[in-house]
C-alpha atoms as a PDB file:
ATOM      1  CA  MET A   1       1.566   3.130  21.965  1.00  0.00           C
ATOM      2  CA  THR A   2       4.091   5.694  23.074  1.00  0.00           C
ATOM      3  CA  MET A   3       7.837   5.307  22.955  1.00  0.00           C
ATOM      4  CA  GLN A   4      10.952   7.342  23.382  1.00  0.00           C
ATOM      5  CA  LEU A   5      13.319   7.256  20.401  1.00  0.00           C
ATOM      6  CA  SER A   6      16.792   8.703  19.935  1.00  0.00           C
ATOM      7  CA  MET A   7      15.799  10.075  16.507  1.00  0.00           C
ATOM      8  CA  GLU A   8      12.754  10.162  14.231  1.00  0.00           C
ATOM      9  CA  PRO A   9      12.348   6.976  12.177  1.00  0.00           C
ATOM     10  CA  SER A  10      10.912   6.767   8.695  1.00  0.00           C
ATOM     11  CA  ILE A  11       7.539   5.110   8.074  1.00  0.00           C
ATOM     12  CA  THR A  12       9.375   2.302   6.261  1.00  0.00           C
ATOM     13  CA  ALA A  13      11.720   1.770   9.217  1.00  0.00           C
ATOM     14  CA  MET A  14       8.842   1.604  11.687  1.00  0.00           C
ATOM     15  CA  ARG A  15       6.853  -0.722   9.385  1.00  0.00           C
ATOM     16  CA  ARG A  16       9.812  -3.116   9.040  1.00  0.00           C
ATOM     17  CA  CYS A  17      10.567  -3.094  12.767  1.00  0.00           C
ATOM     18  CA  VAL A  18       6.952  -3.761  13.770  1.00  0.00           C
ATOM     19  CA  ALA A  19       6.669  -6.566  11.204  1.00  0.00           C
ATOM     20  CA  SER A  20       9.851  -8.114  12.591  1.00  0.00           C
ATOM     21  CA  ALA A  21       8.731  -7.712  16.202  1.00  0.00           C
ATOM     22  CA  ILE A  22       5.366  -9.422  15.792  1.00  0.00           C
ATOM     23  CA  GLU A  23       6.603 -11.768  13.056  1.00  0.00           C
ATOM     24  CA  VAL A  24       4.175 -10.669  10.329  1.00  0.00           C
ATOM     25  CA  VAL A  25       5.038 -11.830   6.800  1.00  0.00           C
ATOM     26  CA  PRO A  26       4.710 -10.375   4.186  1.00  0.00           C
ATOM     27  CA  LEU A  27       5.685  -6.868   5.227  1.00  0.00           C
ATOM     28  CA  SER A  28       2.666  -5.393   3.434  1.00  0.00           C
ATOM     29  CA  LEU A  29       0.404  -6.770   6.187  1.00  0.00           C
ATOM     30  CA  VAL A  30       1.675  -3.934   8.405  1.00  0.00           C
ATOM     31  CA  HIS A  31      -0.765  -1.843   6.454  1.00  0.00           C
ATOM     32  CA  ARG A  32      -0.726   1.556   8.121  1.00  0.00           C
ATOM     33  CA  VAL A  33       1.841   3.109  10.419  1.00  0.00           C
ATOM     34  CA  SER A  34       1.626   6.675  11.613  1.00  0.00           C
ATOM     35  CA  PHE A  35       3.406   8.486  14.390  1.00  0.00           C
ATOM     36  CA  HIS A  36       3.885  11.970  15.739  1.00  0.00           C
ATOM     37  CA  SER A  37       6.083  13.487  18.390  1.00  0.00           C
ATOM     38  CA  THR A  38       4.477  14.248  21.719  1.00  0.00           C
ATOM     39  CA  LYS A  39       5.347  16.172  24.854  1.00  0.00           C
ATOM     40  CA  ARG A  40       6.855  14.353  27.803  1.00  0.00           C
ATOM     41  CA  ARG A  41       4.561  11.975  29.630  1.00  0.00           C
ATOM     42  CA  LEU A  42       3.207  12.948  33.021  1.00  0.00           C
ATOM     43  CA  SER A  43       5.005   9.985  34.587  1.00  0.00           C
ATOM     44  CA  GLN A  44       8.388  11.470  33.598  1.00  0.00           C
ATOM     45  CA  ALA A  45       9.999  13.939  35.955  1.00  0.00           C
ATOM     46  CA  GLN A  46      10.521  17.332  34.359  1.00  0.00           C
ATOM     47  CA  HIS A  47      14.270  17.560  35.033  1.00  0.00           C
ATOM     48  CA  GLY A  48      15.137  13.891  35.389  1.00  0.00           C
ATOM     49  CA  ALA A  49      13.593  12.753  32.102  1.00  0.00           C
ATOM     50  CA  PRO A  50      15.925  10.787  29.856  1.00  0.00           C
ATOM     51  CA  LYS A  51      17.084  12.415  26.620  1.00  0.00           C
ATOM     52  CA  GLY A  52      15.132  11.486  23.493  1.00  0.00           C
ATOM     53  CA  LEU A  53      11.975  12.242  21.598  1.00  0.00           C
ATOM     54  CA  ASN A  54       8.583  10.908  22.648  1.00  0.00           C
ATOM     55  CA  TYR A  55       6.356   9.511  19.904  1.00  0.00           C
ATOM     56  CA  THR A  56       2.819   8.225  19.728  1.00  0.00           C
ATOM     57  CA  VAL A  57       2.658   5.373  17.218  1.00  0.00           C
ATOM     58  CA  ASP A  58      -0.556   4.089  15.578  1.00  0.00           C
ATOM     59  CA  LEU A  59      -0.533   0.754  13.759  1.00  0.00           C
ATOM     60  CA  GLU A  60      -2.962  -1.115  11.543  1.00  0.00           C
ATOM     61  CA  ILE A  61      -2.038  -4.702  10.764  1.00  0.00           C
ATOM     62  CA  ILE A  62      -3.859  -7.027   8.401  1.00  0.00           C
ATOM     63  CA  THR A  63      -4.258 -10.517   9.833  1.00  0.00           C
ATOM     64  CA  PRO A  64      -2.852 -13.231   7.574  1.00  0.00           C
ATOM     65  CA  ASP A  65      -5.197 -16.113   6.734  1.00  0.00           C
ATOM     66  CA  GLU A  66      -3.187 -18.640   8.760  1.00  0.00           C
ATOM     67  CA  VAL A  67      -3.156 -16.525  11.985  1.00  0.00           C
ATOM     68  CA  SER A  68      -6.128 -15.769  14.202  1.00  0.00           C
ATOM     69  CA  SER A  69      -6.833 -12.149  15.062  1.00  0.00           C
ATOM     70  CA  GLU A  70      -6.678 -13.002  18.783  1.00  0.00           C
ATOM     71  CA  ILE A  71      -3.086 -14.205  18.428  1.00  0.00           C
ATOM     72  CA  LEU A  72      -2.094 -11.090  16.493  1.00  0.00           C
ATOM     73  CA  VAL A  73      -3.770  -8.821  19.078  1.00  0.00           C
ATOM     74  CA  GLY A  74      -1.791 -10.629  21.793  1.00  0.00           C
ATOM     75  CA  LEU A  75       1.474 -10.139  19.905  1.00  0.00           C
ATOM     76  CA  ALA A  76       0.693  -6.454  19.337  1.00  0.00           C
ATOM     77  CA  ALA A  77      -0.091  -6.013  23.041  1.00  0.00           C
ATOM     78  CA  GLY A  78       3.303  -7.573  23.804  1.00  0.00           C
ATOM     79  CA  LEU A  79       5.044  -4.628  22.143  1.00  0.00           C
ATOM     80  CA  ALA A  80       4.346  -2.560  25.272  1.00  0.00           C
ATOM     81  CA  VAL A  81       5.162  -5.255  27.856  1.00  0.00           C
ATOM     82  CA  ASP A  82       8.597  -4.692  29.425  1.00  0.00           C
ATOM     83  CA  GLY A  83      10.973  -7.514  28.590  1.00  0.00           C
ATOM     84  CA  SER A  84       8.564  -9.317  26.238  1.00  0.00           C
ATOM     85  CA  ARG A  85       9.936 -11.040  23.170  1.00  0.00           C
ATOM     86  CA  ALA A  86       7.986  -8.688  20.868  1.00  0.00           C
ATOM     87  CA  GLN A  87       9.339  -5.609  22.634  1.00  0.00           C
ATOM     88  CA  ARG A  88      12.932  -6.905  22.556  1.00  0.00           C
ATOM     89  CA  ARG A  89      12.603  -7.669  18.841  1.00  0.00           C
ATOM     90  CA  LEU A  90      11.193  -4.189  18.174  1.00  0.00           C
ATOM     91  CA  MET A  91      13.986  -2.474  20.089  1.00  0.00           C
ATOM     92  CA  ASN A  92      16.694  -4.655  18.477  1.00  0.00           C
ATOM     93  CA  SER A  93      15.284  -4.116  15.003  1.00  0.00           C
ATOM     94  CA  LEU A  94      15.220  -0.334  15.458  1.00  0.00           C
ATOM     95  CA  SER A  95      18.727  -0.316  16.922  1.00  0.00           C
ATOM     96  CA  GLU A  96      20.466  -2.756  14.593  1.00  0.00           C
ATOM     97  CA  GLY A  97      18.640  -1.872  11.383  1.00  0.00           C
ATOM     98  CA  PHE A  98      18.323   1.887  11.700  1.00  0.00           C
ATOM     99  CA  GLY A  99      20.556   3.046  14.577  1.00  0.00           C
ATOM    100  CA  ILE A 100      17.578   4.214  16.637  1.00  0.00           C
ATOM    101  CA  LYS A 101      17.536   3.536  20.360  1.00  0.00           C
ATOM    102  CA  ALA A 102      14.032   2.931  21.754  1.00  0.00           C
ATOM    103  CA  SER A 103      12.933   3.030  25.394  1.00  0.00           C
ATOM    104  CA  HIS A 104       9.951   3.745  27.623  1.00  0.00           C
ATOM    105  CA  ILE A 105       7.493   1.860  25.415  1.00  0.00           C
ATOM    106  CA  SER A 106       3.987   1.909  26.820  1.00  0.00           C
ATOM    107  CA  GLN A 107       0.483   1.196  25.608  1.00  0.00           C
ATOM    108  CA  LEU A 108      -2.074   3.981  25.239  1.00  0.00           C
ATOM    109  CA  ILE A 109      -4.979   1.941  23.887  1.00  0.00           C
ATOM    110  CA  MET A 110      -5.394  -1.813  24.072  1.00  0.00           C
ATOM    111  CA  PRO A 111      -4.948  -3.445  20.649  1.00  0.00           C
ATOM    112  CA  ARG A 112      -8.244  -4.585  19.139  1.00  0.00           C
ATOM    113  CA  ALA A 113      -9.436  -6.597  16.185  1.00  0.00           C
ATOM    114  CA  PHE A 114     -12.015  -5.401  13.673  1.00  0.00           C
ATOM    115  CA  GLN A 115     -13.186  -6.461  10.248  1.00  0.00           C
ATOM    116  CA  THR A 116     -13.050  -4.313   7.151  1.00  0.00           C
ATOM    117  CA  VAL A 117     -12.906  -4.787   3.409  1.00  0.00           C
ATOM    118  CA  ILE A 118      -9.414  -4.820   1.926  1.00  0.00           C
ATOM    119  CA  VAL A 119      -9.091  -4.448  -1.832  1.00  0.00           C
ATOM    120  CA  ASN A 120      -6.168  -5.807  -3.853  1.00  0.00           C
ATOM    121  CA  ASP A 121      -5.343  -4.531  -7.312  1.00  0.00           C
ATOM    122  CA  THR A 122      -4.011  -6.715 -10.117  1.00  0.00           C
ATOM    123  CA  SER A 123      -0.381  -6.151  -9.081  1.00  0.00           C
ATOM    124  CA  GLY A 124      -1.030  -7.468  -5.545  1.00  0.00           C
ATOM    125  CA  SER A 125      -1.051  -4.061  -3.842  1.00  0.00           C
ATOM    126  CA  ILE A 126      -3.374  -3.729  -0.871  1.00  0.00           C
ATOM    127  CA  TRP A 127      -5.704  -0.737  -0.859  1.00  0.00           C
ATOM    128  CA  GLY A 128      -7.162   0.553   2.382  1.00  0.00           C
ATOM    129  CA  THR A 129      -9.124   3.461   3.694  1.00  0.00           C
ATOM    130  CA  SER A 130      -6.301   5.990   3.362  1.00  0.00           C
ATOM    131  CA  GLY A 131      -6.067   5.766  -0.426  1.00  0.00           C
ATOM    132  CA  ASP A 132      -2.493   4.522  -0.253  1.00  0.00           C
ATOM    133  CA  ALA A 133      -1.296   1.186  -1.510  1.00  0.00           C
ATOM    134  CA  VAL A 134       1.330  -1.003   0.030  1.00  0.00           C
ATOM    135  CA  ASN A 135       3.164  -2.896  -2.653  1.00  0.00           C
ATOM    136  CA  GLU A 136       4.347  -6.262  -1.382  1.00  0.00           C
ATOM    137  CA  SER A 137       7.659  -6.058  -3.228  1.00  0.00           C
ATOM    138  CA  SER A 138       8.737  -2.636  -1.988  1.00  0.00           C
ATOM    139  CA  ALA A 139       6.503  -2.113   1.077  1.00  0.00           C
ATOM    140  CA  GLU A 140       6.399   1.578   0.242  1.00  0.00           C
ATOM    141  CA  SER A 141       3.287   3.700   0.308  1.00  0.00           C
ATOM    142  CA  ARG A 142       2.392   5.269  -3.019  1.00  0.00           C
ATOM    143  CA  PRO A 143      -0.607   7.266  -4.216  1.00  0.00           C
ATOM    144  CA  MET A 144      -3.176   5.570  -6.409  1.00  0.00           C
ATOM    145  CA  ALA A 145      -1.825   5.500  -9.944  1.00  0.00           C
ATOM    146  CA  GLY A 146      -4.063   7.044 -12.598  1.00  0.00           C
ATOM    147  CA  LYS A 147      -6.577   8.419 -10.111  1.00  0.00           C
ATOM    148  CA  ASP A 148      -7.306  12.038  -9.296  1.00  0.00           C
ATOM    149  CA  ARG A 149      -6.560  12.204  -5.584  1.00  0.00           C
ATOM    150  CA  SER A 150      -5.289  14.863  -3.216  1.00  0.00           C
ATOM    151  CA  ASP A 151      -2.283  14.257  -0.938  1.00  0.00           C
ATOM    152  CA  ASN A 152      -4.440  12.866   1.867  1.00  0.00           C
ATOM    153  CA  GLY A 153      -6.146  10.257  -0.337  1.00  0.00           C
ATOM    154  CA  VAL A 154      -9.479  12.028  -0.842  1.00  0.00           C
ATOM    155  CA  PRO A 155     -10.911  11.539  -4.360  1.00  0.00           C
ATOM    156  CA  VAL A 156     -11.067  15.131  -5.643  1.00  0.00           C
ATOM    157  CA  GLY A 157     -13.551  14.346  -8.439  1.00  0.00           C
ATOM    158  CA  ALA A 158     -16.050  12.864  -6.010  1.00  0.00           C
ATOM    159  CA  VAL A 159     -15.798  15.852  -3.676  1.00  0.00           C
ATOM    160  CA  ILE A 160     -16.371  18.276  -6.560  1.00  0.00           C
ATOM    161  CA  GLY A 161     -19.338  16.167  -7.716  1.00  0.00           C
ATOM    162  CA  TYR A 162     -20.884  16.263  -4.236  1.00  0.00           C
ATOM    163  CA  ILE A 163     -20.449  20.037  -4.058  1.00  0.00           C
ATOM    164  CA  VAL A 164     -21.947  20.657  -7.520  1.00  0.00           C
ATOM    165  CA  GLY A 165     -24.831  18.272  -6.788  1.00  0.00           C
ATOM    166  CA  GLY A 166     -25.499  19.959  -3.451  1.00  0.00           C
ATOM    167  CA  ILE A 167     -25.529  23.433  -5.000  1.00  0.00           C
ATOM    168  CA  SER A 168     -27.884  22.216  -7.771  1.00  0.00           C
ATOM    169  CA  ALA A 169     -30.292  20.721  -5.223  1.00  0.00           C
ATOM    170  CA  LEU A 170     -30.166  23.921  -3.168  1.00  0.00           C
ATOM    171  CA  CYS A 171     -30.996  26.008  -6.262  1.00  0.00           C
ATOM    172  CA  LEU A 172     -34.019  23.811  -7.048  1.00  0.00           C
ATOM    173  CA  VAL A 173     -35.279  24.210  -3.470  1.00  0.00           C
ATOM    174  CA  VAL A 174     -34.857  28.002  -3.624  1.00  0.00           C
ATOM    175  CA  VAL A 175     -36.723  28.206  -6.980  1.00  0.00           C
ATOM    176  CA  GLY A 176     -39.512  26.005  -5.560  1.00  0.00           C
ATOM    177  CA  VAL A 177     -39.880  28.147  -2.435  1.00  0.00           C
ATOM    178  CA  TRP A 178     -39.842  31.322  -4.536  1.00  0.00           C
ATOM    179  CA  CYS A 179     -42.578  29.948  -6.812  1.00  0.00           C
ATOM    180  CA  MET A 180     -44.740  28.940  -3.854  1.00  0.00           C
ATOM    181  CA  ALA A 181     -44.234  32.342  -2.216  1.00  0.00           C
ATOM    182  CA  THR A 182     -45.228  34.274  -5.344  1.00  0.00           C
ATOM    183  CA  HIS A 183     -48.028  31.809  -6.239  1.00  0.00           C
ATOM    184  CA  ARG A 184     -46.696  31.446  -9.744  1.00  0.00           C
ATOM    185  CA  THR A 185     -46.675  28.299 -11.707  1.00  0.00           C
ATOM    186  CA  VAL A 186     -43.418  27.604 -13.414  1.00  0.00           C
ATOM    187  CA  LYS A 187     -43.317  25.008 -16.118  1.00  0.00           C
ATOM    188  CA  PHE A 188     -40.042  23.224 -16.736  1.00  0.00           C
ATOM    189  CA  ASP A 189     -39.669  21.692 -20.171  1.00  0.00           C
ATOM    190  CA  VAL A 190     -37.321  18.796 -20.255  1.00  0.00           C
END
């Protein structure tokens, strides 16, 4: 969805406001929130556009066991419906909790439901595809503890292993082609 905000919110602020707006408990079920500033929308006049920053917001919400995904998709769609309860709650939560005025909320892509595997660790943190955990007590994103990961959640050891394995396979192919081209027999002792 896109929205116009008076100032840039934090990820935590947006996560809390979305959870409040669509009534998702616990907060950790608002699994992934990302946003970036955008240029003005084409529907806004160049000189008559209201003051504020335009943001595109992407959300990923885990459906609680007691709620159907269809209901949650409907609530998420309500965030972009003018005057809806979800939109009013979002705007009030941003304003009252963080001093951010929101307006011009619109939907870019229809909310959709999909299934994926979600992994919990022993402390109750939810692990997703980004490599970040959302701890239910703090609702803060943190990198995987004790794992060798880059800032964007990619396992560095696995990437290095794939590269080394690929180079090794390429070397074997080159040696094989060279042997066939020179008609030599090479014996590898293992």
